[in-house]
C-alpha cells in the first residue's frame, strides 16, 4: 500500500473500498444504481448534501475541502462512516474505481492509501 493523501479524520476507524468520484447528483444516481454498498465517495465540497440517498451504504468518504466541523464531517460521524476532510491528494493516476483505504494516523490526522 502507498500513502497518496492526508487529511483530518472524523472517526478513529478504518474504511476500505472502491473509490468513486462524485461531482453531481447524476454521479450519485449512477453509484446508487450500480450499488453504493462498501464504496468510498470522493467529493470536492464539504457542504455537499446530495450524498444523502447513498450515505448509509458508503464505507467511507474522502473530501478535498472542509474540516472536522463541516456539515459532511458531522453527518459522517452520525452515520459512523470514516471520512477524511480537507484531504490533500498527491497522486498522478485517476483514482476512480481503485481500491483505497482510509486510516487514522494519530490524533485528528488520517491518511488515504492506494491498495495494491
Protein backbone atom coordinates (compact mmCIF):
# COMPACT_ATOMS: atom_id res chain seq x y z
CA UNK A 1 0.00 0.00 0.00
CA UNK A 2 1.11 3.51 -0.80
CA UNK A 3 0.10 6.72 1.02
CA UNK A 4 -1.45 9.08 -1.52
CA UNK A 5 -3.27 11.58 0.68
CA UNK A 6 -3.53 13.19 4.09
CA UNK A 7 -6.38 14.95 5.84
CA UNK A 8 -8.35 15.25 9.05
CA UNK A 9 -10.18 12.09 10.08
CA UNK A 10 -13.67 12.18 11.56
CA UNK A 11 -13.52 8.83 13.39
CA UNK A 12 -10.86 6.58 14.86
CA UNK A 13 -11.82 3.90 12.36
CA UNK A 14 -10.62 2.48 9.05
CA UNK A 15 -12.51 2.05 5.82
CA UNK A 16 -11.55 0.19 2.68
CA UNK A 17 -13.32 0.06 -0.65
CA UNK A 18 -13.50 1.15 -4.25
CA UNK A 19 -13.32 4.94 -4.57
CA UNK A 20 -15.81 6.81 -6.76
CA UNK A 21 -15.55 10.47 -7.69
CA UNK A 22 -18.88 12.20 -7.04
CA UNK A 23 -19.35 15.65 -8.60
CA UNK A 24 -23.08 15.79 -9.28
CA UNK A 25 -26.48 14.36 -8.50
CA UNK A 26 -26.11 12.27 -11.67
CA UNK A 27 -22.96 10.65 -10.21
CA UNK A 28 -24.90 9.78 -7.04
CA UNK A 29 -27.71 8.21 -9.08
CA UNK A 30 -25.20 6.22 -11.13
CA UNK A 31 -23.49 4.87 -7.99
CA UNK A 32 -26.85 4.17 -6.35
CA UNK A 33 -27.94 2.09 -9.35
CA UNK A 34 -24.58 0.29 -9.56
CA UNK A 35 -24.52 -0.36 -5.81
CA UNK A 36 -23.01 2.03 -3.28
CA UNK A 37 -22.58 -0.54 -0.51
CA UNK A 38 -18.97 -0.62 0.67
CA UNK A 39 -17.79 2.12 -1.68
CA UNK A 40 -15.81 5.25 -0.77
CA UNK A 41 -17.12 8.52 -2.17
CA UNK A 42 -14.65 11.26 -3.15
CA UNK A 43 -16.12 14.78 -3.22
CA UNK A 44 -14.68 18.28 -3.52
CA UNK A 45 -17.22 20.21 -1.41
CA UNK A 46 -17.60 19.70 2.36
CA UNK A 47 -21.11 21.17 2.20
CA UNK A 48 -22.35 18.54 -0.25
CA UNK A 49 -25.87 17.39 0.56
CA UNK A 50 -26.62 15.21 -2.44
CA UNK A 51 -24.84 12.19 -0.91
CA UNK A 52 -27.93 11.69 1.27
CA UNK A 53 -29.50 8.81 -0.69
CA UNK A 54 -26.30 6.70 -0.64
CA UNK A 55 -24.66 7.89 2.59
CA UNK A 56 -25.80 4.99 4.82
CA UNK A 57 -24.34 2.49 2.33
CA UNK A 58 -20.89 4.07 1.99
CA UNK A 59 -17.81 2.59 3.68
CA UNK A 60 -16.05 5.96 3.75
CA UNK A 61 -15.77 9.48 2.36
CA UNK A 62 -12.81 11.48 1.07
CA UNK A 63 -13.46 15.22 0.88
CA UNK A 64 -10.93 17.62 -0.64
CA UNK A 65 -12.17 20.60 1.40
CA UNK A 66 -13.61 21.37 4.81
CA UNK A 67 -12.69 20.48 8.34
CA UNK A 68 -13.96 18.47 11.28
CA UNK A 69 -16.79 20.97 11.88
CA UNK A 70 -18.06 20.81 8.29
CA UNK A 71 -21.58 19.58 7.61
CA UNK A 72 -20.29 16.46 5.84
CA UNK A 73 -17.91 15.63 8.72
CA UNK A 74 -20.70 15.93 11.28
CA UNK A 75 -23.14 13.81 9.26
CA UNK A 76 -20.50 11.14 8.55
CA UNK A 77 -19.81 10.84 12.29
CA UNK A 78 -23.54 10.43 12.95
CA UNK A 79 -23.59 7.53 10.48
CA UNK A 80 -20.29 6.12 11.89
CA UNK A 81 -18.66 6.48 8.47
CA UNK A 82 -14.94 7.36 8.49
CA UNK A 83 -14.25 10.47 6.45
CA UNK A 84 -11.09 12.33 5.54
CA UNK A 85 -11.69 16.08 5.40
CA UNK A 86 -9.53 18.73 3.76
CA UNK A 87 -7.70 15.90 2.02
CA UNK A 88 -4.57 16.75 0.06
CA UNK A 89 -4.11 14.02 -2.55
CA UNK A 90 -0.70 13.51 -4.14
CA UNK A 91 -1.32 11.02 -6.93
CA UNK A 92 -0.98 11.35 -10.69
CA UNK A 93 -3.28 8.48 -11.66
CA UNK A 94 -7.06 8.54 -11.89
CA UNK A 95 -8.35 7.05 -8.63
CA UNK A 96 -11.92 6.41 -9.78
CA UNK A 97 -12.63 2.70 -9.35
CA UNK A 98 -9.37 1.94 -7.48
CA UNK A 99 -9.30 0.21 -4.10
CA UNK A 100 -8.24 2.57 -1.31
CA UNK A 101 -8.07 2.58 2.48
CA UNK A 102 -8.80 5.44 4.89
CA UNK A 103 -6.84 5.07 8.12
CA UNK A 104 -6.29 7.14 11.28
CA UNK A 105 -2.72 8.42 11.62
CA UNK A 106 -2.59 9.83 15.13
CA UNK A 107 -4.75 12.48 16.75
CA UNK A 108 -7.01 14.24 14.25
CA UNK A 109 -4.93 13.14 11.26
CA UNK A 110 -5.73 10.46 8.74
CA UNK A 111 -4.23 9.05 5.58
CA UNK A 112 -5.54 7.76 2.27
CA UNK A 113 -3.75 4.71 0.93
CA UNK A 114 -3.86 3.14 -2.52
CA UNK A 115 -4.17 -0.64 -2.17
CA UNK A 116 -2.05 -2.89 -4.38
